[in-house]
Amino acid sequence: MTRLLDVENLAKSYAGLAAVRHVSFGLDRGEILAMIGPNGAGKSTCFNMLNGQIRPDAGRIRIDGVDTTGLPPRAVWRKGVGRTFQITATFGSMTVRENVQVALMSHGGALGRWFGRADTRGRDEADRLLALVGMAADADRAAAELAYGDLKRLELAVALANRPKLLLMDEPTAGMAPRERVGLMRLTAEIARAEGIGVLFTEHDMDVVFEHADRMMVLSRGLLIAEGPPETVRRDPEVRAIYLGEGLVYDARHQEARA
């Protein structure tokens, strides 16, 4: 069976400095994979190559068997890839529902041909997505009025508007309170497994990683140094030395590992 995401020998350098060095990994439908590593490990560069924002120097990216290497972000999005960002990107002057409707119209190719009332387009589907992320009661509120945790839920609804096969989440819980972090990732995991969506996310909060990831991969200086189930990776000597720090014992219930 074809893997949802297949990355082979991905590499990128800047002025001779290797940001990502021949990284290979895969992701299946409904699987949640965490990508972690200290600052400068190459996580953002790797993410941006998958999303089409950066063209790799070498390697191949296949999504559901289709080669997407070097395609621009919009073309990658059209192939069924959704993305959320560390800093939320919503239209504050629009309502919560309208934010989702814009994404739906873009997916349907209707943004360039607005005829009639735009506020009726995709209303039912927008409401379905908002209900899915627990935002139905806020549909008519301006996005600018939302608390940060609710903005993250709205961003998730927007990312789901193109019915993605693959969801890329860049530090999805950054800036959120602990309870909100747990709620957002639990919701994401439930949706991903129910809809068969593969999720790749970066995260600094180790509680989130160990609670929700099926597998995790660790980057250091552009190299993939470990990959596997969270408990296996946590015990890896190289991970402990390079990422967690020499001699650091991580307790998932009480501590947050820091680079």
C-alpha atoms as a PDB file:
ATOM      1  CA  MET A   1       0.000   0.000   0.000  1.00  0.00           C
ATOM      2  CA  THR A   2       1.325   3.441  -0.962  1.00  0.00           C
ATOM      3  CA  ARG A   3       2.328   5.594   1.989  1.00  0.00           C
ATOM      4  CA  LEU A   4       0.544   8.891   2.296  1.00  0.00           C
ATOM      5  CA  LEU A   5       3.829  10.795   2.596  1.00  0.00           C
ATOM      6  CA  ASP A   6       7.139   9.455   1.358  1.00  0.00           C
ATOM      7  CA  VAL A   7      10.228  11.642   1.793  1.00  0.00           C
ATOM      8  CA  GLU A   8      13.495  10.425   0.305  1.00  0.00           C
ATOM      9  CA  ASN A   9      16.957  11.964   0.848  1.00  0.00           C
ATOM     10  CA  LEU A  10      15.656  15.524   1.255  1.00  0.00           C
ATOM     11  CA  ALA A  11      18.458  18.099   1.397  1.00  0.00           C
ATOM     12  CA  LYS A  12      18.828  21.886   1.520  1.00  0.00           C
ATOM     13  CA  SER A  13      21.857  24.146   2.024  1.00  0.00           C
ATOM     14  CA  TYR A  14      22.315  27.898   2.346  1.00  0.00           C
ATOM     15  CA  ALA A  15      25.659  29.413   1.340  1.00  0.00           C
ATOM     16  CA  GLY A  16      27.301  26.040   1.807  1.00  0.00           C
ATOM     17  CA  LEU A  17      25.749  25.425   5.222  1.00  0.00           C
ATOM     18  CA  ALA A  18      23.551  22.300   5.302  1.00  0.00           C
ATOM     19  CA  ALA A  19      20.157  22.998   6.900  1.00  0.00           C
ATOM     20  CA  VAL A  20      18.711  19.574   6.056  1.00  0.00           C
ATOM     21  CA  ARG A  21      20.963  16.640   5.192  1.00  0.00           C
ATOM     22  CA  HIS A  22      19.459  13.705   3.269  1.00  0.00           C
ATOM     23  CA  VAL A  23      16.422  13.163   5.492  1.00  0.00           C
ATOM     24  CA  SER A  24      14.107  10.251   4.669  1.00  0.00           C
ATOM     25  CA  PHE A  25      10.860   9.247   6.396  1.00  0.00           C
ATOM     26  CA  GLY A  26       7.267   8.227   5.714  1.00  0.00           C
ATOM     27  CA  LEU A  27       3.798   8.813   7.119  1.00  0.00           C
ATOM     28  CA  ASP A  28       0.636   6.717   6.811  1.00  0.00           C
ATOM     29  CA  ARG A  29      -3.024   7.741   6.684  1.00  0.00           C
ATOM     30  CA  GLY A  30      -4.439   8.462  10.116  1.00  0.00           C
ATOM     31  CA  GLU A  31      -0.970   8.481  11.677  1.00  0.00           C
ATOM     32  CA  ILE A  32       0.349  11.306  13.855  1.00  0.00           C
ATOM     33  CA  LEU A  33       4.087  11.943  13.528  1.00  0.00           C
ATOM     34  CA  ALA A  34       5.967  14.506  15.644  1.00  0.00           C
ATOM     35  CA  MET A  35       9.130  16.172  14.350  1.00  0.00           C
ATOM     36  CA  ILE A  36      11.243  17.523  17.195  1.00  0.00           C
ATOM     37  CA  GLY A  37      14.732  18.876  17.709  1.00  0.00           C
ATOM     38  CA  PRO A  38      16.598  21.852  19.163  1.00  0.00           C
ATOM     39  CA  ASN A  39      16.516  25.276  17.533  1.00  0.00           C
ATOM     40  CA  GLY A  40      18.442  25.195  14.262  1.00  0.00           C
ATOM     41  CA  ALA A  41      17.877  21.460  13.797  1.00  0.00           C
ATOM     42  CA  GLY A  42      16.261  21.946  10.369  1.00  0.00           C
ATOM     43  CA  LYS A  43      12.600  21.422  11.299  1.00  0.00           C
ATOM     44  CA  SER A  44      11.266  24.603   9.686  1.00  0.00           C
ATOM     45  CA  THR A  45      13.320  24.104   6.540  1.00  0.00           C
ATOM     46  CA  CYS A  46      12.057  20.548   6.223  1.00  0.00           C
ATOM     47  CA  PHE A  47       8.460  21.670   6.771  1.00  0.00           C
ATOM     48  CA  ASN A  48       8.756  24.453   4.214  1.00  0.00           C
ATOM     49  CA  MET A  49      10.112  22.057   1.587  1.00  0.00           C
ATOM     50  CA  LEU A  50       7.165  19.722   2.135  1.00  0.00           C
ATOM     51  CA  ASN A  51       4.772  22.642   1.798  1.00  0.00           C
ATOM     52  CA  GLY A  52       6.457  24.028  -1.339  1.00  0.00           C
ATOM     53  CA  GLN A  53       7.712  27.273   0.204  1.00  0.00           C
ATOM     54  CA  ILE A  54      11.325  26.178  -0.262  1.00  0.00           C
ATOM     55  CA  ARG A  55      12.640  24.148  -3.191  1.00  0.00           C
ATOM     56  CA  PRO A  56      14.931  21.296  -2.072  1.00  0.00           C
ATOM     57  CA  ASP A  57      18.446  20.957  -3.462  1.00  0.00           C
ATOM     58  CA  ALA A  58      18.039  17.190  -3.627  1.00  0.00           C
ATOM     59  CA  GLY A  59      15.595  14.448  -2.739  1.00  0.00           C
ATOM     60  CA  ARG A  60      12.006  13.522  -3.514  1.00  0.00           C
ATOM     61  CA  ILE A  61       8.642  14.228  -1.877  1.00  0.00           C
ATOM     62  CA  ARG A  62       5.670  12.037  -2.783  1.00  0.00           C
ATOM     63  CA  ILE A  63       2.160  12.612  -1.467  1.00  0.00           C
ATOM     64  CA  ASP A  64      -0.176   9.688  -2.015  1.00  0.00           C
ATOM     65  CA  GLY A  65       2.206   8.431  -4.695  1.00  0.00           C
ATOM     66  CA  VAL A  66       2.353  11.772  -6.562  1.00  0.00           C
ATOM     67  CA  ASP A  67       5.706  13.555  -6.858  1.00  0.00           C
ATOM     68  CA  THR A  68       5.254  17.075  -5.430  1.00  0.00           C
ATOM     69  CA  THR A  69       8.950  17.980  -5.226  1.00  0.00           C
ATOM     70  CA  GLY A  70       9.448  21.669  -6.003  1.00  0.00           C
ATOM     71  CA  LEU A  71       5.775  22.471  -6.584  1.00  0.00           C
ATOM     72  CA  PRO A  72       4.638  25.898  -5.291  1.00  0.00           C
ATOM     73  CA  PRO A  73       2.515  26.049  -2.101  1.00  0.00           C
ATOM     74  CA  ARG A  74      -0.809  26.466  -3.895  1.00  0.00           C
ATOM     75  CA  ALA A  75      -0.146  23.414  -6.080  1.00  0.00           C
ATOM     76  CA  VAL A  76       0.834  21.385  -3.008  1.00  0.00           C
ATOM     77  CA  TRP A  77      -2.354  22.561  -1.292  1.00  0.00           C
ATOM     78  CA  ARG A  78      -4.333  21.390  -4.323  1.00  0.00           C
ATOM     79  CA  LYS A  79      -2.787  17.931  -3.890  1.00  0.00           C
ATOM     80  CA  GLY A  80      -4.470  17.652  -0.506  1.00  0.00           C
ATOM     81  CA  VAL A  81      -2.093  19.239   1.980  1.00  0.00           C
ATOM     82  CA  GLY A  82      -3.391  21.514   4.743  1.00  0.00           C
ATOM     83  CA  ARG A  83      -1.176  23.592   7.011  1.00  0.00           C
ATOM     84  CA  THR A  84      -1.413  25.553  10.236  1.00  0.00           C
ATOM     85  CA  PHE A  85       1.250  27.992  11.388  1.00  0.00           C
ATOM     86  CA  GLN A  86       2.944  28.890  14.650  1.00  0.00           C
ATOM     87  CA  ILE A  87       1.360  32.358  14.421  1.00  0.00           C
ATOM     88  CA  THR A  88      -2.309  32.179  13.454  1.00  0.00           C
ATOM     89  CA  ALA A  89      -3.297  33.686  10.109  1.00  0.00           C
ATOM     90  CA  THR A  90      -6.980  34.660  10.010  1.00  0.00           C
ATOM     91  CA  PHE A  91      -8.983  37.644   8.752  1.00  0.00           C
ATOM     92  CA  GLY A  92      -9.876  39.572  11.895  1.00  0.00           C
ATOM     93  CA  SER A  93     -12.532  41.755  10.270  1.00  0.00           C
ATOM     94  CA  MET A  94     -14.430  38.719   8.945  1.00  0.00           C
ATOM     95  CA  THR A  95     -16.672  36.484  10.971  1.00  0.00           C
ATOM     96  CA  VAL A  96     -15.522  33.038  12.037  1.00  0.00           C
ATOM     97  CA  ARG A  97     -17.806  31.470   9.420  1.00  0.00           C
ATOM     98  CA  GLU A  98     -16.590  33.813   6.666  1.00  0.00           C
ATOM     99  CA  ASN A  99     -12.973  32.819   7.327  1.00  0.00           C
ATOM    100  CA  VAL A 100     -13.866  29.211   6.615  1.00  0.00           C
ATOM    101  CA  GLN A 101     -16.036  30.172   3.631  1.00  0.00           C
ATOM    102  CA  VAL A 102     -13.101  31.979   2.010  1.00  0.00           C
ATOM    103  CA  ALA A 103     -10.996  28.834   2.315  1.00  0.00           C
ATOM    104  CA  LEU A 104     -13.826  26.744   0.862  1.00  0.00           C
ATOM    105  CA  MET A 105     -14.278  29.144  -2.042  1.00  0.00           C
ATOM    106  CA  SER A 106     -10.577  29.062  -2.752  1.00  0.00           C
ATOM    107  CA  HIS A 107     -10.623  25.267  -2.768  1.00  0.00           C
ATOM    108  CA  GLY A 108     -13.573  25.333  -5.166  1.00  0.00           C
ATOM    109  CA  GLY A 109     -11.876  27.890  -7.436  1.00  0.00           C
ATOM    110  CA  ALA A 110     -14.572  30.497  -6.798  1.00  0.00           C
ATOM    111  CA  LEU A 111     -12.533  33.370  -5.352  1.00  0.00           C
ATOM    112  CA  GLY A 112     -11.959  34.932  -8.769  1.00  0.00           C
ATOM    113  CA  ARG A 113     -15.600  34.756  -9.840  1.00  0.00           C
ATOM    114  CA  TRP A 114     -17.807  36.211  -7.157  1.00  0.00           C
ATOM    115  CA  PHE A 115     -21.325  36.518  -8.560  1.00  0.00           C
ATOM    116  CA  GLY A 116     -24.182  37.255  -6.210  1.00  0.00           C
ATOM    117  CA  ARG A 117     -23.864  37.127  -2.461  1.00  0.00           C
ATOM    118  CA  ALA A 118     -20.559  35.652  -1.354  1.00  0.00           C
ATOM    119  CA  ASP A 119     -21.788  35.161   2.221  1.00  0.00           C
ATOM    120  CA  THR A 120     -24.057  32.272   1.158  1.00  0.00           C
ATOM    121  CA  ARG A 121     -21.328  30.238  -0.568  1.00  0.00           C
ATOM    122  CA  GLY A 122     -20.284  27.131   1.328  1.00  0.00           C
ATOM    123  CA  ARG A 123     -22.251  28.161   4.407  1.00  0.00           C
ATOM    124  CA  ASP A 124     -23.422  24.649   5.279  1.00  0.00           C
ATOM    125  CA  GLU A 125     -19.967  23.124   4.856  1.00  0.00           C
ATOM    126  CA  ALA A 126     -18.399  25.978   6.843  1.00  0.00           C
ATOM    127  CA  ASP A 127     -20.861  25.324   9.655  1.00  0.00           C
ATOM    128  CA  ARG A 128     -20.065  21.595   9.528  1.00  0.00           C
ATOM    129  CA  LEU A 129     -16.330  22.285   9.884  1.00  0.00           C
ATOM    130  CA  LEU A 130     -16.898  24.753  12.711  1.00  0.00           C
ATOM    131  CA  ALA A 131     -19.008  22.193  14.542  1.00  0.00           C
ATOM    132  CA  LEU A 132     -16.240  19.646  14.016  1.00  0.00           C
ATOM    133  CA  VAL A 133     -13.724  21.871  15.839  1.00  0.00           C
ATOM    134  CA  GLY A 134     -16.168  23.019  18.512  1.00  0.00           C
ATOM    135  CA  MET A 135     -16.689  26.551  17.161  1.00  0.00           C
ATOM    136  CA  ALA A 136     -20.300  26.390  15.936  1.00  0.00           C
ATOM    137  CA  ALA A 137     -21.540  28.794  18.612  1.00  0.00           C
ATOM    138  CA  ASP A 138     -19.009  31.427  17.499  1.00  0.00           C
ATOM    139  CA  ALA A 139     -19.793  31.329  13.769  1.00  0.00           C
ATOM    140  CA  ASP A 140     -21.139  34.907  13.632  1.00  0.00           C
ATOM    141  CA  ARG A 141     -18.453  36.489  15.818  1.00  0.00           C
ATOM    142  CA  ALA A 142     -15.653  38.545  14.311  1.00  0.00           C
ATOM    143  CA  ALA A 143     -12.417  36.560  14.312  1.00  0.00           C
ATOM    144  CA  ALA A 144     -10.693  39.540  15.962  1.00  0.00           C
ATOM    145  CA  GLU A 145     -12.803  38.968  19.102  1.00  0.00           C
ATOM    146  CA  LEU A 146     -11.647  35.383  19.660  1.00  0.00           C
ATOM    147  CA  ALA A 147      -9.329  34.234  22.415  1.00  0.00           C
ATOM    148  CA  TYR A 148      -6.063  32.765  21.186  1.00  0.00           C
ATOM    149  CA  GLY A 149      -7.088  29.167  21.794  1.00  0.00           C
ATOM    150  CA  ASP A 150     -10.259  29.671  19.741  1.00  0.00           C
ATOM    151  CA  LEU A 151      -8.222  31.246  16.945  1.00  0.00           C
ATOM    152  CA  LYS A 152      -6.199  28.035  16.810  1.00  0.00           C
ATOM    153  CA  ARG A 153      -9.421  26.034  16.472  1.00  0.00           C
ATOM    154  CA  LEU A 154     -10.578  28.348  13.689  1.00  0.00           C
ATOM    155  CA  GLU A 155      -7.248  27.910  11.924  1.00  0.00           C
ATOM    156  CA  LEU A 156      -7.723  24.138  12.121  1.00  0.00           C
ATOM    157  CA  ALA A 157     -11.178  24.459  10.514  1.00  0.00           C
ATOM    158  CA  VAL A 158      -9.655  26.570   7.719  1.00  0.00           C
ATOM    159  CA  ALA A 159      -6.912  23.981   7.193  1.00  0.00           C
ATOM    160  CA  LEU A 160      -9.568  21.262   6.863  1.00  0.00           C
ATOM    161  CA  ALA A 161     -11.492  23.211   4.193  1.00  0.00           C
ATOM    162  CA  ASN A 162      -9.659  21.550   1.282  1.00  0.00           C
ATOM    163  CA  ARG A 163     -10.362  18.074   2.721  1.00  0.00           C
ATOM    164  CA  PRO A 164      -6.645  17.379   3.213  1.00  0.00           C
ATOM    165  CA  LYS A 165      -5.020  13.969   3.107  1.00  0.00           C
ATOM    166  CA  LEU A 166      -2.014  15.410   4.930  1.00  0.00           C
ATOM    167  CA  LEU A 167      -2.028  18.085   7.639  1.00  0.00           C
ATOM    168  CA  LEU A 168       1.196  19.951   8.466  1.00  0.00           C
ATOM    169  CA  MET A 169       1.109  21.723  11.836  1.00  0.00           C
ATOM    170  CA  ASP A 170       3.959  24.034  12.812  1.00  0.00           C
ATOM    171  CA  GLU A 171       4.059  24.279  16.619  1.00  0.00           C
ATOM    172  CA  PRO A 172       0.244  24.104  16.848  1.00  0.00           C
ATOM    173  CA  THR A 173       0.095  24.750  20.600  1.00  0.00           C
ATOM    174  CA  ALA A 174       2.576  27.656  20.762  1.00  0.00           C
ATOM    175  CA  GLY A 175       1.278  30.432  22.994  1.00  0.00           C
ATOM    176  CA  MET A 176      -1.601  28.375  24.388  1.00  0.00           C
ATOM    177  CA  ALA A 177      -2.401  27.620  28.005  1.00  0.00           C
ATOM    178  CA  PRO A 178      -1.672  24.015  29.104  1.00  0.00           C
ATOM    179  CA  ARG A 179      -5.330  22.957  29.151  1.00  0.00           C
ATOM    180  CA  GLU A 180      -5.897  24.486  25.700  1.00  0.00           C
ATOM    181  CA  ARG A 181      -2.863  22.634  24.335  1.00  0.00           C
ATOM    182  CA  VAL A 182      -4.231  19.287  25.434  1.00  0.00           C
ATOM    183  CA  GLY A 183      -7.677  20.082  24.055  1.00  0.00           C
ATOM    184  CA  LEU A 184      -6.453  21.191  20.635  1.00  0.00           C
ATOM    185  CA  MET A 185      -4.179  18.205  20.070  1.00  0.00           C
ATOM    186  CA  ARG A 186      -6.770  15.748  21.360  1.00  0.00           C
ATOM    187  CA  LEU A 187      -9.287  17.245  18.930  1.00  0.00           C
ATOM    188  CA  THR A 188      -6.765  17.089  16.066  1.00  0.00           C
ATOM    189  CA  ALA A 189      -5.953  13.456  16.827  1.00  0.00           C
ATOM    190  CA  GLU A 190      -9.636  12.493  16.920  1.00  0.00           C
ATOM    191  CA  ILE A 191     -10.346  14.189  13.578  1.00  0.00           C
ATOM    192  CA  ALA A 192      -7.214  12.771  11.941  1.00  0.00           C
ATOM    193  CA  ARG A 193      -7.958   9.204  12.946  1.00  0.00           C
ATOM    194  CA  ALA A 194     -11.656   9.444  12.071  1.00  0.00           C
ATOM    195  CA  GLU A 195     -10.991  11.024   8.669  1.00  0.00           C
ATOM    196  CA  GLY A 196      -7.804   9.089   7.837  1.00  0.00           C
ATOM    197  CA  ILE A 197      -5.699  12.269   7.693  1.00  0.00           C
ATOM    198  CA  GLY A 198      -1.956  11.963   8.229  1.00  0.00           C
ATOM    199  CA  VAL A 199      -0.583  14.617  10.609  1.00  0.00           C
ATOM    200  CA  LEU A 200       3.014  15.818  10.784  1.00  0.00           C
ATOM    201  CA  PHE A 201       3.658  18.390  13.512  1.00  0.00           C
ATOM    202  CA  THR A 202       6.571  20.176  15.125  1.00  0.00           C
ATOM    203  CA  GLU A 203       6.371  20.897  18.823  1.00  0.00           C
ATOM    204  CA  HIS A 204       8.511  22.035  21.762  1.00  0.00           C
ATOM    205  CA  ASP A 205       6.050  20.909  24.440  1.00  0.00           C
ATOM    206  CA  MET A 206       7.119  17.349  25.205  1.00  0.00           C
ATOM    207  CA  ASP A 207       3.921  16.593  27.117  1.00  0.00           C
ATOM    208  CA  VAL A 208       1.998  17.176  23.871  1.00  0.00           C
ATOM    209  CA  VAL A 209       4.429  15.035  21.862  1.00  0.00           C
ATOM    210  CA  PHE A 210       4.461  12.052  24.206  1.00  0.00           C
ATOM    211  CA  GLU A 211       0.702  12.077  24.736  1.00  0.00           C
ATOM    212  CA  HIS A 212      -0.445  12.377  21.119  1.00  0.00           C
ATOM    213  CA  ALA A 213       2.258  11.221  18.674  1.00  0.00           C
ATOM    214  CA  ASP A 214       2.151   7.681  17.288  1.00  0.00           C
ATOM    215  CA  ARG A 215       5.759   8.091  16.230  1.00  0.00           C
ATOM    216  CA  MET A 216       8.360  10.795  16.533  1.00  0.00           C
ATOM    217  CA  MET A 217      11.482  11.771  14.654  1.00  0.00           C
ATOM    218  CA  VAL A 218      14.375  13.819  15.971  1.00  0.00           C
ATOM    219  CA  LEU A 219      16.478  16.184  13.875  1.00  0.00           C
ATOM    220  CA  SER A 220      19.837  17.588  14.925  1.00  0.00           C
ATOM    221  CA  ARG A 221      21.933  19.856  12.697  1.00  0.00           C
ATOM    222  CA  GLY A 222      19.922  18.809   9.696  1.00  0.00           C
ATOM    223  CA  LEU A 223      20.296  15.066  10.287  1.00  0.00           C
ATOM    224  CA  LEU A 224      17.612  12.578  11.274  1.00  0.00           C
ATOM    225  CA  ILE A 225      19.167  10.987  14.366  1.00  0.00           C
ATOM    226  CA  ALA A 226      16.236   8.908  15.680  1.00  0.00           C
ATOM    227  CA  GLU A 227      12.776   7.740  14.653  1.00  0.00           C
ATOM    228  CA  GLY A 228      10.212   5.450  16.241  1.00  0.00           C
ATOM    229  CA  PRO A 229       7.589   5.180  19.005  1.00  0.00           C
ATOM    230  CA  PRO A 230       7.875   7.950  21.623  1.00  0.00           C
ATOM    231  CA  GLU A 231       9.062   5.672  24.420  1.00  0.00           C
ATOM    232  CA  THR A 232      11.762   4.148  22.216  1.00  0.00           C
ATOM    233  CA  VAL A 233      13.010   7.543  21.071  1.00  0.00           C
ATOM    234  CA  ARG A 234      13.010   8.897  24.622  1.00  0.00           C
ATOM    235  CA  ARG A 235      15.420   6.151  25.676  1.00  0.00           C
ATOM    236  CA  ASP A 236      17.759   6.651  22.715  1.00  0.00           C
ATOM    237  CA  PRO A 237      21.222   7.664  24.061  1.00  0.00           C
ATOM    238  CA  GLU A 238      21.944  10.027  21.166  1.00  0.00           C
ATOM    239  CA  VAL A 239      18.617  11.805  21.616  1.00  0.00           C
ATOM    240  CA  ARG A 240      19.261  12.208  25.329  1.00  0.00           C
ATOM    241  CA  ALA A 241      22.726  13.600  24.701  1.00  0.00           C
ATOM    242  CA  ILE A 242      21.922  15.890  21.766  1.00  0.00           C
ATOM    243  CA  TYR A 243      18.331  16.975  22.250  1.00  0.00           C
ATOM    244  CA  LEU A 244      17.289  16.478  25.850  1.00  0.00           C
ATOM    245  CA  GLY A 245      20.736  17.210  27.242  1.00  0.00           C
ATOM    246  CA  GLU A 246      23.346  15.025  28.861  1.00  0.00           C
ATOM    247  CA  GLY A 247      22.014  13.426  32.023  1.00  0.00           C
ATOM    248  CA  LEU A 248      18.514  14.913  31.782  1.00  0.00           C
ATOM    249  CA  VAL A 249      15.784  12.532  32.909  1.00  0.00           C
ATOM    250  CA  TYR A 250      12.438  13.462  31.386  1.00  0.00           C
ATOM    251  CA  ASP A 251       9.237  12.959  33.350  1.00  0.00           C
ATOM    252  CA  ALA A 252       6.290  13.402  30.974  1.00  0.00           C
ATOM    253  CA  ARG A 253       3.929  14.255  33.827  1.00  0.00           C
ATOM    254  CA  HIS A 254       5.899  17.074  35.400  1.00  0.00           C
ATOM    255  CA  GLN A 255       8.587  18.449  33.087  1.00  0.00           C
ATOM    256  CA  GLU A 256       8.950  20.145  29.718  1.00  0.00           C
ATOM    257  CA  ALA A 257      12.204  19.337  27.922  1.00  0.00           C
ATOM    258  CA  ARG A 258      13.913  22.367  26.419  1.00  0.00           C
ATOM    259  CA  ALA A 259      16.557  22.624  23.752  1.00  0.00           C
END
